Amino acid sequence: MKDKHLEHEEAFHGKDKKKYRKERKILSQKDRSKFKKTDLKKQKKPIPKDPDLRRGRVLAILADGILVDFADTLYTCSLRGVLKKENLRIKNLVAVGDFVLFKPITKSIFYVEERSSILSRAEQLSRQKEQLIAVNVDQVLITTSIGIPPLKSTLIDRYIIASLKGNMDPIIVINKIDLLDQNPEEKTLFEEIKTIYESLDIPVFPVSAITSQGLEDLTDHMRGKSSVFSGQSGAGKTSLINAITGSSYLTGEVIAKTKRGAHTTTTSRLLPIEGEGFCVDTPGIKSFGLWDIKKEEVQQYFFEIAAIAKECRFPNCSHLHEPDCAVKQALEERRISHLRFDSYCALITPKPKR
């Protein structure tokens, strides 16, 4: 595929230089290819040669084992002992979406194939291990909602970073859109969020699992792809999946006192979509800690900030307290969203130790 930047370089002769630089900056801001594959292993493990091994896909991680699908037959398997010692920094060595080589007779998994994409987060308790959420998926459906739980742009931004870092496309799904009239205080926030992320070429789907509003468009966007629904407890991920796939998994109610959802979905599971494609339902989360990201790496995931940061007086400007900061100037002029800037600041500012 021809580089868009190269095409502009070739067509430069006779162009206004200022206009040319501006066009290149816009293209660079919207080019996300540099974020891909940063979390994927480059070294391939040798594939074991054994005629008894079969290639299956992990559909769910259950209390009594790993549910693997092979030739429309389900096997509850376990990891071979040697695999458990491979990476001590990963909480779960196998995730929903994994392709594995296993023996149907012994129901033992001998090999986990290299992954094309990884959605993960820092383990909630220790933050010292990586917790795999889903792998080998094309897009992350960042599911949030109107009302309870409320919209959180900071959580959306964390998911966007995890998606790009793990080689997936971020998609924002705002559920319970039918409650907008009952939550006028969130209507302005909803419109702002929709405008911000669509301007960054991140699709936003306002939907309702109750009225089916927007579901047809969302389903069309999911066809032929593997998608993972992930977001806060109570945002309605399972309700949306039931509506899209025709499943009837148990859904929970939001606890009004805490404004949080009950953890109805306790395990991730891979489900087929009519017309080709798969989706993964995941347990709701209360917080989302990014895994293995350095402070100096954060800015590149905030495209609009990274583009303007080149105009700052200091090349290593943090945009917090330095003079002649182009980003702060853009913030005052409303060329950068306060919501996005607040998310950026929260990620690069050290957390106080408890």
Protein backbone atom coordinates (compact mmCIF):
# COMPACT_ATOMS: atom_id res chain seq x y z
CA MET A 1 0.00 0.00 0.00
CA LYS A 2 1.38 3.40 -0.97
CA ASP A 3 2.26 5.72 1.89
CA LYS A 4 -0.15 8.68 2.05
CA HIS A 5 2.73 10.85 3.22
CA LEU A 6 4.75 9.83 0.14
CA GLU A 7 1.86 10.71 -2.16
CA HIS A 8 1.80 14.19 -0.66
CA GLU A 9 5.59 14.45 -1.01
CA GLU A 10 5.35 13.69 -4.75
CA ALA A 11 2.58 16.22 -5.28
CA PHE A 12 4.42 18.94 -3.37
CA HIS A 13 6.00 20.86 -6.27
CA GLY A 14 4.47 24.28 -6.57
CA LYS A 15 2.44 23.92 -3.36
CA ASP A 16 2.30 26.42 -0.56
CA LYS A 17 4.72 25.13 2.09
CA LYS A 18 2.57 26.19 5.03
CA LYS A 19 -0.46 24.43 3.62
CA TYR A 20 1.64 21.35 2.86
CA ARG A 21 2.98 21.12 6.44
CA LYS A 22 -0.54 21.50 7.83
CA GLU A 23 -1.84 18.65 5.64
CA ARG A 24 1.02 16.39 6.69
CA LYS A 25 0.35 17.11 10.35
CA ILE A 26 -3.33 16.15 9.97
CA LEU A 27 -2.41 12.91 8.18
CA SER A 28 0.19 12.07 10.81
CA GLN A 29 -2.32 12.72 13.59
CA LYS A 30 -4.79 10.23 12.08
CA ASP A 31 -2.23 7.55 11.22
CA ARG A 32 -2.39 4.88 13.94
CA SER A 33 -0.18 2.26 12.31
CA LYS A 34 2.75 3.23 14.56
CA PHE A 35 0.82 2.02 17.61
CA LYS A 36 0.27 -1.50 16.28
CA LYS A 37 1.90 -4.66 17.55
CA THR A 38 3.74 -3.11 20.48
CA ASP A 39 2.41 -5.76 22.88
CA LEU A 40 2.92 -8.77 20.63
CA LYS A 41 5.82 -11.17 20.97
CA LYS A 42 8.29 -11.09 18.11
CA GLN A 43 9.94 -14.43 18.87
CA LYS A 44 7.93 -17.43 17.70
CA LYS A 45 7.99 -20.57 19.82
CA PRO A 46 8.69 -23.86 18.06
CA ILE A 47 5.48 -25.72 17.21
CA PRO A 48 5.43 -29.24 18.68
CA LYS A 49 5.20 -32.04 16.13
CA ASP A 50 2.77 -34.70 17.27
CA PRO A 51 0.15 -36.42 15.05
CA ASP A 52 -2.26 -36.59 18.00
CA LEU A 53 -2.41 -32.81 18.45
CA ARG A 54 -5.47 -30.93 17.22
CA ARG A 55 -5.95 -27.17 16.69
CA GLY A 56 -8.84 -25.69 18.65
CA ARG A 57 -10.02 -22.28 19.83
CA VAL A 58 -10.62 -21.27 23.42
CA LEU A 59 -14.27 -20.30 23.94
CA ALA A 60 -14.27 -19.73 27.71
CA ILE A 61 -12.18 -20.04 30.86
CA LEU A 62 -14.25 -21.99 33.39
CA ALA A 63 -13.73 -22.91 37.04
CA ASP A 64 -13.08 -26.53 36.09
CA GLY A 65 -10.95 -25.92 33.01
CA ILE A 66 -10.45 -24.28 29.61
CA LEU A 67 -13.30 -24.78 27.15
CA VAL A 68 -11.85 -25.56 23.70
CA ASP A 69 -13.82 -25.95 20.47
CA PHE A 70 -12.60 -28.40 17.83
CA ALA A 71 -14.73 -29.54 14.89
CA ASP A 72 -17.93 -28.43 16.66
CA THR A 73 -17.08 -30.53 19.71
CA LEU A 74 -16.29 -28.97 23.09
CA TYR A 75 -13.46 -30.16 25.33
CA THR A 76 -12.77 -29.01 28.89
CA CYS A 77 -8.97 -28.95 28.95
CA SER A 78 -6.09 -28.13 31.26
CA LEU A 79 -2.67 -26.61 30.62
CA ARG A 80 0.29 -28.93 30.42
CA GLY A 81 2.54 -28.32 33.43
CA VAL A 82 5.48 -26.92 31.49
CA LEU A 83 3.33 -24.13 30.01
CA LYS A 84 2.50 -22.81 33.47
CA LYS A 85 6.15 -21.86 34.01
CA GLU A 86 6.57 -19.91 30.75
CA ASN A 87 5.69 -16.40 31.88
CA LEU A 88 5.29 -15.60 35.55
CA ARG A 89 4.25 -11.98 34.82
CA ILE A 90 0.98 -13.08 33.22
CA LYS A 91 -1.91 -13.90 35.53
CA ASN A 92 -3.71 -16.11 33.02
CA LEU A 93 -1.57 -17.85 30.38
CA VAL A 94 -4.56 -18.65 28.16
CA ALA A 95 -7.39 -16.29 27.20
CA VAL A 96 -10.65 -16.42 25.28
CA GLY A 97 -9.86 -16.31 21.57
CA ASP A 98 -6.59 -18.24 21.82
CA PHE A 99 -5.78 -20.89 19.23
CA VAL A 100 -4.22 -23.90 20.93
CA LEU A 101 -2.84 -27.33 20.09
CA PHE A 102 -4.26 -29.99 22.40
CA LYS A 103 -4.81 -33.73 22.68
CA PRO A 104 -8.51 -34.65 22.69
CA ILE A 105 -7.82 -37.94 24.52
CA THR A 106 -5.95 -36.42 27.49
CA LYS A 107 -7.58 -32.98 27.14
CA SER A 108 -4.19 -31.36 27.68
CA ILE A 109 -3.09 -28.12 25.99
CA PHE A 110 0.49 -28.38 24.73
CA TYR A 111 0.90 -25.17 22.77
CA VAL A 112 -0.61 -21.67 22.55
CA GLU A 113 -0.23 -20.03 19.14
CA GLU A 114 1.22 -16.55 18.70
CA ARG A 115 -1.48 -13.91 19.03
CA SER A 116 -2.43 -11.34 16.42
CA SER A 117 -3.83 -9.00 19.08
CA ILE A 118 -4.08 -8.74 22.87
CA LEU A 119 -6.48 -6.84 25.12
CA SER A 120 -5.08 -6.84 28.63
CA ARG A 121 -4.86 -4.76 31.78
CA ALA A 122 -2.83 -4.64 34.96
CA GLU A 123 -4.10 -7.12 37.53
CA GLN A 124 -6.36 -5.16 39.86
CA LEU A 125 -4.83 -6.21 43.19
CA SER A 126 -1.05 -6.23 42.79
CA ARG A 127 -0.68 -4.36 39.47
CA GLN A 128 2.43 -6.54 39.04
CA LYS A 129 0.94 -8.99 36.56
CA GLU A 130 -0.73 -8.73 33.17
CA GLN A 131 -4.31 -9.97 33.03
CA LEU A 132 -5.39 -11.09 29.56
CA ILE A 133 -9.01 -10.18 28.72
CA ALA A 134 -9.30 -11.44 25.14
CA VAL A 135 -6.93 -12.20 22.26
CA ASN A 136 -7.00 -12.57 18.47
CA VAL A 137 -9.82 -10.06 18.05
CA ASP A 138 -10.10 -7.23 15.52
CA GLN A 139 -11.82 -4.53 17.54
CA VAL A 140 -12.63 -3.52 21.10
CA LEU A 141 -16.20 -2.35 21.70
CA ILE A 142 -15.63 0.04 24.60
CA THR A 143 -19.03 -0.17 26.27
CA THR A 144 -20.26 2.67 28.44
CA SER A 145 -23.72 3.99 29.20
CA ILE A 146 -26.05 6.87 29.96
CA GLY A 147 -27.21 7.27 33.57
CA ILE A 148 -25.92 4.45 35.73
CA PRO A 149 -23.02 3.79 35.45
CA PRO A 150 -22.25 7.30 34.18
CA LEU A 151 -20.15 8.20 31.15
CA LYS A 152 -16.43 8.33 31.92
CA SER A 153 -14.15 9.76 29.26
CA THR A 154 -11.07 8.83 31.32
CA LEU A 155 -12.04 5.15 31.14
CA ILE A 156 -12.71 5.43 27.40
CA ASP A 157 -9.23 6.88 26.85
CA ARG A 158 -7.58 4.06 28.80
CA TYR A 159 -9.38 1.51 26.66
CA ILE A 160 -8.35 3.35 23.49
CA ILE A 161 -4.70 3.13 24.53
CA ALA A 162 -5.00 -0.57 25.41
CA SER A 163 -6.73 -1.26 22.07
CA LEU A 164 -4.12 0.48 19.93
CA LYS A 165 -1.25 -0.92 21.97
CA GLY A 166 -2.66 -4.43 21.55
CA ASN A 167 -3.22 -4.11 17.77
CA MET A 168 -7.01 -3.63 17.74
CA ASP A 169 -9.35 -0.91 16.55
CA PRO A 170 -11.18 1.00 19.32
CA ILE A 171 -14.94 1.41 18.88
CA ILE A 172 -17.05 3.36 21.40
CA VAL A 173 -20.50 1.97 22.22
CA ILE A 174 -22.76 4.18 24.35
CA ASN A 175 -25.66 2.08 25.63
CA LYS A 176 -28.97 3.16 27.25
CA ILE A 177 -29.38 6.02 24.78
CA ASP A 178 -33.11 5.79 25.49
CA LEU A 179 -32.39 7.33 28.93
CA LEU A 180 -30.94 10.58 27.55
CA ASP A 181 -34.13 12.56 28.16
CA GLN A 182 -34.14 11.39 31.79
CA ASN A 183 -30.51 12.49 32.26
CA PRO A 184 -30.25 16.04 30.85
CA GLU A 185 -27.00 16.60 32.77
CA GLU A 186 -25.38 13.84 30.69
CA LYS A 187 -26.78 14.96 27.35
CA THR A 188 -24.13 17.67 26.94
CA LEU A 189 -21.38 15.24 27.95
CA PHE A 190 -22.70 12.64 25.52
CA GLU A 191 -22.69 15.11 22.63
CA GLU A 192 -19.19 16.30 23.53
CA ILE A 193 -17.82 12.74 23.71
CA LYS A 194 -19.42 11.85 20.38
CA THR A 195 -17.94 14.93 18.72
CA ILE A 196 -14.45 14.46 20.21
CA TYR A 197 -13.91 10.84 19.22
CA GLU A 198 -15.55 11.03 15.82
CA SER A 199 -13.16 13.89 15.02
CA LEU A 200 -10.33 11.45 15.85
CA ASP A 201 -11.80 8.87 13.44
CA ILE A 202 -12.92 6.60 16.28
CA PRO A 203 -16.45 5.32 15.54
CA VAL A 204 -19.13 6.05 18.15
CA PHE A 205 -22.32 3.98 18.26
CA PRO A 206 -25.19 5.31 20.43
CA VAL A 207 -27.41 2.27 21.07
CA SER A 208 -30.16 0.88 23.26
CA ALA A 209 -30.54 -2.78 24.15
CA ILE A 210 -34.09 -1.98 25.27
CA THR A 211 -35.42 -0.17 22.19
CA SER A 212 -32.93 -1.69 19.68
CA GLN A 213 -31.96 1.83 18.58
CA GLY A 214 -28.62 1.75 16.73
CA LEU A 215 -28.22 -2.03 17.01
CA GLU A 216 -28.50 -2.65 13.28
CA ASP A 217 -25.61 -0.28 12.53
CA LEU A 218 -23.49 -1.80 15.30
CA THR A 219 -24.21 -5.35 14.12
CA ASP A 220 -23.24 -4.42 10.56
CA HIS A 221 -19.94 -3.07 11.88
CA MET A 222 -19.30 -6.38 13.68
CA ARG A 223 -20.03 -8.74 10.79
CA GLY A 224 -17.04 -10.65 9.50
CA LYS A 225 -14.89 -9.50 12.45
CA SER A 226 -14.00 -10.67 15.94
CA SER A 227 -15.06 -8.13 18.55
CA VAL A 228 -14.75 -7.93 22.31
CA PHE A 229 -17.25 -6.04 24.48
CA SER A 230 -15.49 -4.56 27.50
CA GLY A 231 -16.41 -1.85 29.98
CA GLN A 232 -17.93 -1.01 33.34
CA SER A 233 -20.22 -3.31 35.26
CA GLY A 234 -23.84 -2.43 34.57
CA ALA A 235 -23.20 -0.79 31.19
CA GLY A 236 -25.28 -3.51 29.51
CA LYS A 237 -22.69 -5.53 27.59
CA THR A 238 -24.51 -8.84 28.03
CA SER A 239 -27.88 -7.27 27.15
CA LEU A 240 -26.39 -5.95 23.93
CA ILE A 241 -24.84 -9.31 23.09
CA ASN A 242 -28.13 -11.09 23.77
CA ALA A 243 -29.89 -8.67 21.41
CA ILE A 244 -27.24 -9.05 18.71
CA THR A 245 -26.63 -12.82 18.88
CA GLY A 246 -30.05 -14.00 20.03
CA SER A 247 -28.51 -15.52 23.16
CA SER A 248 -30.21 -15.53 26.54
CA TYR A 249 -27.41 -15.11 29.04
CA LEU A 250 -28.28 -13.83 32.50
CA THR A 251 -28.18 -10.06 32.91
CA GLY A 252 -28.02 -8.10 36.14
CA GLU A 253 -29.47 -4.89 37.50
CA VAL A 254 -27.57 -1.78 38.42
CA ILE A 255 -27.28 -1.25 42.16
CA ALA A 256 -28.81 2.19 42.65
CA LYS A 257 -27.01 2.88 45.94
CA THR A 258 -23.49 2.46 44.52
CA LYS A 259 -24.41 3.37 40.92
CA ARG A 260 -22.49 0.29 39.83
CA GLY A 261 -23.57 -2.87 38.13
CA ALA A 262 -23.57 -6.31 39.66
CA HIS A 263 -20.98 -8.70 38.20
CA THR A 264 -23.48 -10.92 36.37
CA THR A 265 -20.93 -12.05 33.77
CA THR A 266 -18.25 -13.89 35.73
CA THR A 267 -16.22 -15.29 32.84
CA SER A 268 -15.36 -14.25 29.30
CA ARG A 269 -16.93 -16.25 26.47
CA LEU A 270 -16.69 -16.30 22.68
CA LEU A 271 -19.98 -16.29 20.77
CA PRO A 272 -20.79 -16.51 17.03
CA ILE A 273 -22.58 -13.70 15.19
CA GLU A 274 -25.12 -14.46 12.48
CA GLY A 275 -23.63 -13.61 9.09
CA GLU A 276 -20.06 -14.49 10.15
CA GLY A 277 -17.94 -13.08 12.95
CA PHE A 278 -17.54 -13.58 16.68
CA CYS A 279 -17.92 -11.48 19.78
CA VAL A 280 -16.55 -11.87 23.27
CA ASP A 281 -18.55 -11.02 26.38
CA THR A 282 -16.36 -10.09 29.36
CA PRO A 283 -16.97 -9.44 33.07
CA GLY A 284 -17.55 -5.79 33.94
CA ILE A 285 -14.76 -3.80 35.53
CA LYS A 286 -14.62 -1.05 38.15
CA SER A 287 -11.24 0.29 37.08
CA PHE A 288 -8.87 -0.30 34.18
CA GLY A 289 -5.15 -0.15 34.89
CA LEU A 290 -2.95 0.05 31.81
CA TRP A 291 -0.29 -2.63 31.55
CA ASP A 292 3.36 -1.94 30.72
CA ILE A 293 3.16 1.64 29.53
CA LYS A 294 5.77 4.26 30.38
CA LYS A 295 4.98 7.87 31.19
CA GLU A 296 6.83 9.10 28.10
CA GLU A 297 4.79 6.78 25.85
CA VAL A 298 1.40 8.16 26.88
CA GLN A 299 1.42 11.28 24.69
CA GLN A 300 1.63 9.36 21.39
CA TYR A 301 -1.82 7.85 22.05
CA PHE A 302 -3.36 11.31 22.39
CA PHE A 303 -3.05 12.12 18.69
CA GLU A 304 -4.19 15.73 18.83
CA ILE A 305 -1.87 16.54 21.75
CA ALA A 306 1.11 14.82 20.10
CA ALA A 307 0.56 16.81 16.90
CA ILE A 308 0.53 20.19 18.67
CA ALA A 309 3.34 19.24 21.11
CA LYS A 310 5.86 19.66 18.27
CA GLU A 311 5.32 23.41 18.56
CA CYS A 312 6.22 23.56 22.28
CA ARG A 313 9.32 25.46 23.34
CA PHE A 314 10.86 22.40 25.03
CA PRO A 315 11.05 19.08 23.13
CA ASN A 316 10.35 17.11 26.33
CA CYS A 317 7.50 19.37 27.46
CA SER A 318 5.06 17.55 29.75
CA HIS A 319 2.38 20.24 29.18
CA LEU A 320 1.84 20.53 32.93
CA HIS A 321 3.99 23.44 34.11
CA GLU A 322 6.48 24.44 31.38
CA PRO A 323 6.40 27.96 29.84
CA ASP A 324 5.58 28.56 26.16
CA CYS A 325 3.57 25.35 25.96
CA ALA A 326 1.70 25.05 22.65
CA VAL A 327 -0.61 22.41 24.10
CA LYS A 328 -1.76 24.68 26.93
CA GLN A 329 -2.31 27.45 24.41
CA ALA A 330 -4.41 25.09 22.27
CA LEU A 331 -6.36 24.11 25.38
CA GLU A 332 -7.20 27.74 26.11
CA GLU A 333 -8.26 28.21 22.50
CA ARG A 334 -10.41 25.05 22.73
CA ARG A 335 -8.51 23.32 19.94
CA ILE A 336 -7.96 20.45 22.38
CA SER A 337 -10.72 18.96 24.51
CA HIS A 338 -10.49 19.47 28.28
CA LEU A 339 -11.78 15.91 28.70
CA ARG A 340 -8.90 14.44 26.69
CA PHE A 341 -6.33 16.69 28.35
CA ASP A 342 -7.59 15.67 31.81
CA SER A 343 -7.21 12.00 30.83
CA TYR A 344 -3.67 12.66 29.62
CA CYS A 345 -2.74 14.47 32.85
CA ALA A 346 -4.19 11.69 35.01
CA LEU A 347 -2.02 9.12 33.23
CA ILE A 348 1.29 10.99 33.45
CA THR A 349 0.86 12.36 36.98
CA PRO A 350 2.32 10.03 39.64
CA LYS A 351 -0.27 8.54 41.97
CA PRO A 352 0.26 9.24 45.70
CA LYS A 353 1.40 6.15 47.61
CA ARG A 354 -1.07 4.76 50.12
